[in-house]
Amino acid sequence: MSGASTPAVRHAGATTEPRWLQWLLIAVALGFLLLFLVLPLAAVFAEALRQGLAAYLAALREPDAWAAIRLTLLTAALAVPLNLVFGVAAAWAIAKYEFRGKAFLTTLIDLTFSISPVVAGLMYVLVFGANGWFGPWLAAHDIKIIFAVPGIVLATIFVTFPFIARELIPLMQAQGHDEEQAAIVLGASGWQTFWHVTLPGIKWGLLYGVILCNARAMGEFGAVSVVSGHIRGQTNTIPLHVEILYNEYQSVAAFASASLLALLALVTLAVKTLAERASARELDITAFSDKKGPQSA
């Protein structure tokens, strides 16, 4: 009897606040989102379209804008798959095995969150720059990293590599490794175990991590700004292109390019929401199957 009344008690306890306090909290939350999220996004698109759709499209068709878009897509296309491989490998090692230095590896993964992106860019300049540790050797072999595409890719990889690993580590730890061990006992190879057992269990977390990693890779400014050299048409990504246009008082062109990043944020949010719904639906189906199984038995 007491167990049956527990949900009702909890429900009643969750609504004991006065009605006016509930509405006040909701109003504060909505007002905060409206002021700091919705209005700035609306201002970006309004300013981008201030002179009409023709001016907006002309700003995006400009050669330097196209070069920035291509470089941004290229950087993300290189950085995200590399971080995907690292994130899965690191998460698997940390969640599935016990080894000396495990805590240190976890700390290194989190290091990026505590280091300013500008400092990360300076680190690469000190290592690969003309006066850096490997600068003379790179110059002697005509290899250019800083103020070139390789430096931009390296800086982007550095600032984005924790996202996938950090999404997968707690998920893999919660799942344990009983299913993998059962598959191996039944004769499955390591690749078969990963593809048919591990991957289906982490696919939504993996997708979420890839989405976040891609969004950060395309929107990164600080580290890329240090290593790029701001060469128009060559080493400017979209965020750097926006800064240059804004400093030159080309506000419509600047906001037109910025609207691409805003659209990326909205698409990221939509895909994230769909992934979370699909994951929740899958969990509900699994829970229903597990509950139905013992009852039918």
Protein backbone atom coordinates (compact mmCIF):
# COMPACT_ATOMS: atom_id res chain seq x y z
CA MET A 1 0.00 0.00 0.00
CA SER A 2 2.76 2.38 0.92
CA GLY A 3 4.62 1.54 -2.28
CA ALA A 4 1.53 2.38 -4.34
CA SER A 5 1.20 5.78 -2.69
CA THR A 6 4.82 6.77 -3.18
CA PRO A 7 4.41 8.25 -6.72
CA ALA A 8 1.42 10.32 -5.57
CA VAL A 9 3.36 11.63 -2.60
CA ARG A 10 6.29 12.54 -4.80
CA HIS A 11 4.01 14.24 -7.31
CA ALA A 12 2.33 16.23 -4.59
CA GLY A 13 5.67 17.21 -3.10
CA ALA A 14 6.87 18.49 -6.45
CA THR A 15 3.96 20.95 -6.73
CA THR A 16 3.83 22.42 -3.24
CA GLU A 17 5.32 25.75 -4.38
CA PRO A 18 2.85 28.60 -4.80
CA ARG A 19 1.46 29.03 -8.29
CA TRP A 20 2.88 32.56 -8.57
CA LEU A 21 6.38 31.27 -7.76
CA GLN A 22 6.16 28.65 -10.49
CA TRP A 23 5.10 31.24 -13.06
CA LEU A 24 7.83 33.60 -11.85
CA LEU A 25 10.53 30.95 -12.33
CA ILE A 26 9.20 30.10 -15.78
CA ALA A 27 9.07 33.77 -16.74
CA VAL A 28 12.65 34.35 -15.55
CA ALA A 29 13.92 31.34 -17.51
CA LEU A 30 12.06 32.34 -20.68
CA GLY A 31 13.12 35.97 -20.31
CA PHE A 32 16.76 34.94 -19.91
CA LEU A 33 16.60 32.75 -23.03
CA LEU A 34 14.83 35.48 -24.98
CA LEU A 35 17.32 38.16 -23.99
CA PHE A 36 20.58 36.21 -24.35
CA LEU A 37 19.74 33.65 -27.05
CA VAL A 38 16.71 34.39 -29.22
CA LEU A 39 17.19 38.14 -29.66
CA PRO A 40 20.92 37.91 -30.59
CA LEU A 41 20.14 35.17 -33.13
CA ALA A 42 17.31 37.22 -34.59
CA ALA A 43 19.58 40.29 -34.73
CA VAL A 44 22.18 38.35 -36.73
CA PHE A 45 19.68 37.32 -39.41
CA ALA A 46 17.97 40.73 -39.41
CA GLU A 47 21.26 42.53 -39.97
CA ALA A 48 22.37 40.02 -42.60
CA LEU A 49 19.15 40.63 -44.58
CA ARG A 50 19.00 44.37 -43.91
CA GLN A 51 19.82 45.25 -47.53
CA GLY A 52 17.76 42.44 -49.03
CA LEU A 53 18.27 38.89 -50.14
CA ALA A 54 20.33 39.89 -53.17
CA ALA A 55 22.96 41.63 -51.01
CA TYR A 56 22.96 38.67 -48.63
CA LEU A 57 23.64 36.16 -51.40
CA ALA A 58 26.22 38.45 -53.00
CA ALA A 59 28.15 38.58 -49.73
CA LEU A 60 28.21 34.78 -49.58
CA ARG A 61 29.25 34.45 -53.24
CA GLU A 62 32.25 36.73 -52.75
CA PRO A 63 35.54 34.81 -53.43
CA ASP A 64 37.01 35.37 -49.96
CA ALA A 65 33.76 34.19 -48.36
CA TRP A 66 33.78 31.04 -50.48
CA ALA A 67 37.41 30.41 -49.58
CA ALA A 68 36.56 30.77 -45.87
CA ILE A 69 33.62 28.39 -46.22
CA ARG A 70 35.72 25.80 -48.04
CA LEU A 71 38.51 26.01 -45.47
CA THR A 72 36.05 25.69 -42.59
CA LEU A 73 34.47 22.60 -44.14
CA LEU A 74 37.89 21.11 -44.91
CA THR A 75 39.10 21.70 -41.35
CA ALA A 76 36.00 20.06 -39.87
CA ALA A 77 36.23 17.18 -42.36
CA LEU A 78 39.78 16.44 -41.17
CA ALA A 79 39.46 17.19 -37.46
CA VAL A 80 36.18 15.42 -36.67
CA PRO A 81 37.10 11.94 -38.04
CA LEU A 82 40.47 12.05 -36.29
CA ASN A 83 38.79 13.02 -33.03
CA LEU A 84 36.23 10.29 -33.64
CA VAL A 85 38.96 7.65 -33.78
CA PHE A 86 40.74 9.07 -30.74
CA GLY A 87 37.53 9.50 -28.75
CA VAL A 88 36.36 5.93 -29.28
CA ALA A 89 39.82 4.49 -28.54
CA ALA A 90 40.32 6.61 -25.42
CA ALA A 91 36.82 5.94 -24.11
CA TRP A 92 37.21 2.20 -24.70
CA ALA A 93 40.57 2.11 -22.91
CA ILE A 94 39.36 4.14 -19.93
CA ALA A 95 35.97 2.44 -19.54
CA LYS A 96 36.92 -1.16 -20.27
CA TYR A 97 40.43 -1.59 -18.83
CA GLU A 98 42.37 -0.93 -15.66
CA PHE A 99 45.95 0.25 -16.20
CA ARG A 100 48.56 2.45 -14.61
CA GLY A 101 48.15 6.07 -15.69
CA LYS A 102 44.42 5.81 -16.31
CA ALA A 103 43.63 8.82 -14.11
CA PHE A 104 46.41 10.80 -15.80
CA LEU A 105 44.97 10.02 -19.24
CA THR A 106 41.55 11.18 -18.11
CA THR A 107 43.09 14.41 -16.80
CA LEU A 108 44.85 15.02 -20.12
CA ILE A 109 41.56 14.63 -21.97
CA ASP A 110 40.00 17.29 -19.73
CA LEU A 111 43.02 19.59 -20.09
CA THR A 112 41.63 21.29 -23.17
CA PHE A 113 38.63 22.57 -21.22
CA SER A 114 40.92 24.47 -18.83
CA ILE A 115 43.34 25.90 -21.42
CA SER A 116 42.44 29.04 -23.34
CA PRO A 117 42.25 28.43 -27.10
CA VAL A 118 44.62 31.36 -27.61
CA VAL A 119 47.19 29.63 -25.40
CA ALA A 120 46.71 26.46 -27.43
CA GLY A 121 47.46 28.39 -30.60
CA LEU A 122 50.59 29.90 -29.05
CA MET A 123 51.74 26.41 -28.08
CA TYR A 124 51.73 25.36 -31.73
CA VAL A 125 53.52 28.55 -32.74
CA LEU A 126 56.27 27.81 -30.19
CA VAL A 127 56.62 24.26 -31.51
CA PHE A 128 56.17 24.68 -35.27
CA GLY A 129 56.74 28.40 -35.85
CA ALA A 130 59.74 29.88 -37.68
CA ASN A 131 61.57 30.37 -34.37
CA GLY A 132 60.04 27.34 -32.67
CA TRP A 133 61.52 24.00 -31.73
CA PHE A 134 61.02 22.42 -35.15
CA GLY A 135 60.86 25.64 -37.15
CA PRO A 136 64.38 25.49 -38.72
CA TRP A 137 63.96 21.83 -39.69
CA LEU A 138 60.53 22.48 -41.22
CA ALA A 139 61.88 25.48 -43.15
CA ALA A 140 64.83 23.44 -44.43
CA HIS A 141 62.42 20.80 -45.79
CA ASP A 142 59.96 23.38 -47.14
CA ILE A 143 57.18 22.22 -44.81
CA LYS A 144 54.79 24.93 -43.67
CA ILE A 145 52.50 24.36 -40.69
CA ILE A 146 52.00 27.73 -39.02
CA PHE A 147 50.13 30.28 -41.15
CA ALA A 148 48.93 27.39 -43.31
CA VAL A 149 46.15 24.82 -43.39
CA PRO A 150 48.02 22.14 -41.34
CA GLY A 151 48.36 24.52 -38.40
CA ILE A 152 44.66 25.36 -38.53
CA VAL A 153 43.75 21.67 -38.55
CA LEU A 154 46.12 20.90 -35.65
CA ALA A 155 44.75 23.77 -33.55
CA THR A 156 41.18 22.67 -34.27
CA ILE A 157 41.94 19.09 -33.32
CA PHE A 158 43.44 20.24 -30.03
CA VAL A 159 40.43 22.30 -28.95
CA THR A 160 37.86 19.69 -30.02
CA PHE A 161 39.34 16.32 -29.10
CA PRO A 162 37.67 15.96 -25.64
CA PHE A 163 34.08 16.20 -26.90
CA ILE A 164 33.61 12.69 -28.27
CA ALA A 165 35.67 10.97 -25.57
CA ARG A 166 33.83 12.80 -22.80
CA GLU A 167 30.45 11.76 -24.21
CA LEU A 168 31.44 8.10 -24.49
CA ILE A 169 33.40 7.49 -21.27
CA PRO A 170 30.47 7.66 -18.79
CA LEU A 171 28.22 5.82 -21.25
CA MET A 172 30.66 2.93 -21.66
CA GLN A 173 31.34 2.80 -17.92
CA ALA A 174 27.59 2.55 -17.22
CA GLN A 175 27.18 -0.27 -19.74
CA GLY A 176 30.01 -2.34 -18.29
CA HIS A 177 31.73 -5.06 -20.29
CA ASP A 178 29.62 -8.17 -19.62
CA GLU A 179 28.14 -8.19 -23.12
CA GLU A 180 31.55 -7.87 -24.76
CA GLN A 181 32.92 -10.72 -22.66
CA ALA A 182 29.92 -12.89 -23.56
CA ALA A 183 30.46 -12.20 -27.26
CA ILE A 184 34.13 -13.11 -27.00
CA VAL A 185 33.29 -16.34 -25.15
CA LEU A 186 30.89 -17.22 -27.96
CA GLY A 187 33.72 -16.86 -30.46
CA ALA A 188 33.33 -13.31 -31.77
CA SER A 189 36.46 -11.48 -32.86
CA GLY A 190 37.42 -8.09 -31.48
CA TRP A 191 36.06 -6.28 -34.54
CA GLN A 192 32.81 -8.26 -34.49
CA THR A 193 32.40 -7.53 -30.80
CA PHE A 194 32.87 -3.82 -31.36
CA TRP A 195 30.63 -3.63 -34.45
CA HIS A 196 27.74 -5.77 -33.24
CA VAL A 197 27.83 -5.29 -29.44
CA THR A 198 29.67 -2.14 -28.39
CA LEU A 199 28.74 0.25 -31.22
CA PRO A 200 24.94 -0.28 -31.06
CA GLY A 201 25.04 0.57 -27.37
CA ILE A 202 26.97 3.82 -27.83
CA LYS A 203 25.68 5.02 -31.20
CA TRP A 204 23.52 7.87 -29.87
CA GLY A 205 26.22 9.12 -27.50
CA LEU A 206 28.71 8.87 -30.35
CA LEU A 207 26.43 10.86 -32.66
CA TYR A 208 25.93 13.52 -30.00
CA GLY A 209 29.69 13.82 -29.46
CA VAL A 210 30.33 14.11 -33.21
CA ILE A 211 27.69 16.86 -33.47
CA LEU A 212 29.29 18.88 -30.68
CA CYS A 213 32.79 18.30 -32.06
CA ASN A 214 31.76 19.44 -35.54
CA ALA A 215 30.02 22.57 -34.24
CA ARG A 216 33.06 23.56 -32.19
CA ALA A 217 35.43 22.82 -35.09
CA MET A 218 33.52 25.10 -37.45
CA GLY A 219 33.09 27.87 -34.90
CA GLU A 220 36.57 27.88 -33.34
CA PHE A 221 38.18 31.32 -33.31
CA GLY A 222 40.91 31.77 -30.68
CA ALA A 223 43.39 29.01 -31.51
CA VAL A 224 42.81 29.29 -35.26
CA SER A 225 43.29 33.06 -35.12
CA VAL A 226 46.78 32.62 -33.66
CA VAL A 227 48.05 30.04 -36.14
CA SER A 228 46.28 31.20 -39.31
CA GLY A 229 48.06 34.46 -40.10
CA HIS A 230 44.76 35.96 -41.34
CA ILE A 231 45.66 35.54 -45.02
CA ARG A 232 42.59 36.38 -47.06
CA GLY A 233 41.44 33.66 -49.36
CA GLN A 234 43.94 31.19 -47.89
CA THR A 235 43.91 30.80 -44.11
CA ASN A 236 40.73 32.56 -43.00
CA THR A 237 37.93 30.38 -41.69
CA ILE A 238 34.39 31.72 -41.40
CA PRO A 239 34.86 33.18 -37.86
CA LEU A 240 38.06 34.96 -38.95
CA HIS A 241 36.37 36.20 -42.13
CA VAL A 242 33.53 37.63 -40.05
CA GLU A 243 35.99 39.49 -37.82
CA ILE A 244 37.81 41.04 -40.78
CA LEU A 245 34.60 42.18 -42.46
CA TYR A 246 33.24 43.63 -39.23
CA ASN A 247 36.46 45.55 -38.56
CA GLU A 248 36.20 46.98 -42.07
CA TYR A 249 32.62 48.15 -41.34
CA GLN A 250 31.13 45.74 -43.89
CA SER A 251 28.38 44.83 -41.47
CA VAL A 252 25.98 43.20 -43.94
CA ALA A 253 28.68 40.91 -45.34
CA ALA A 254 29.97 40.16 -41.84
CA PHE A 255 26.53 39.21 -40.54
CA ALA A 256 25.78 37.23 -43.70
CA SER A 257 28.78 35.02 -43.00
CA ALA A 258 27.93 34.94 -39.29
CA SER A 259 24.44 33.71 -40.17
CA LEU A 260 26.03 30.53 -41.55
CA LEU A 261 27.45 29.80 -38.11
CA ALA A 262 24.08 30.62 -36.55
CA LEU A 263 22.39 28.20 -38.95
CA LEU A 264 24.97 25.60 -37.98
CA ALA A 265 24.04 26.12 -34.32
CA LEU A 266 20.35 25.68 -35.09
CA VAL A 267 20.97 22.55 -37.18
CA THR A 268 23.18 21.19 -34.39
CA LEU A 269 20.39 21.79 -31.87
CA ALA A 270 17.82 20.10 -34.12
CA VAL A 271 19.98 17.02 -34.73
CA LYS A 272 20.83 16.84 -31.03
CA THR A 273 17.13 16.91 -30.14
CA LEU A 274 16.33 14.17 -32.65
CA ALA A 275 19.20 12.04 -31.34
CA GLU A 276 18.03 12.44 -27.75
CA ARG A 277 14.46 11.49 -28.70
CA ALA A 278 15.63 8.44 -30.62
CA SER A 279 17.83 7.40 -27.70
CA ALA A 280 14.99 7.85 -25.19
CA ARG A 281 12.61 5.90 -27.44
CA GLU A 282 15.11 3.08 -27.72
CA LEU A 283 15.60 3.00 -23.95
CA ASP A 284 11.83 2.87 -23.43
CA ILE A 285 11.52 -0.05 -25.85
CA THR A 286 14.37 -1.88 -24.12
CA ALA A 287 12.88 -1.28 -20.67
CA PHE A 288 9.47 -2.47 -21.87
CA SER A 289 10.99 -5.63 -23.35
CA ASP A 290 12.93 -6.36 -20.16
CA LYS A 291 9.79 -5.81 -18.07
CA LYS A 292 7.61 -7.92 -20.32
CA GLY A 293 10.06 -10.77 -20.53
CA PRO A 294 10.02 -11.88 -16.87
CA GLN A 295 6.22 -11.46 -16.70
CA SER A 296 5.65 -13.67 -19.73
CA ALA A 297 8.14 -16.22 -18.38
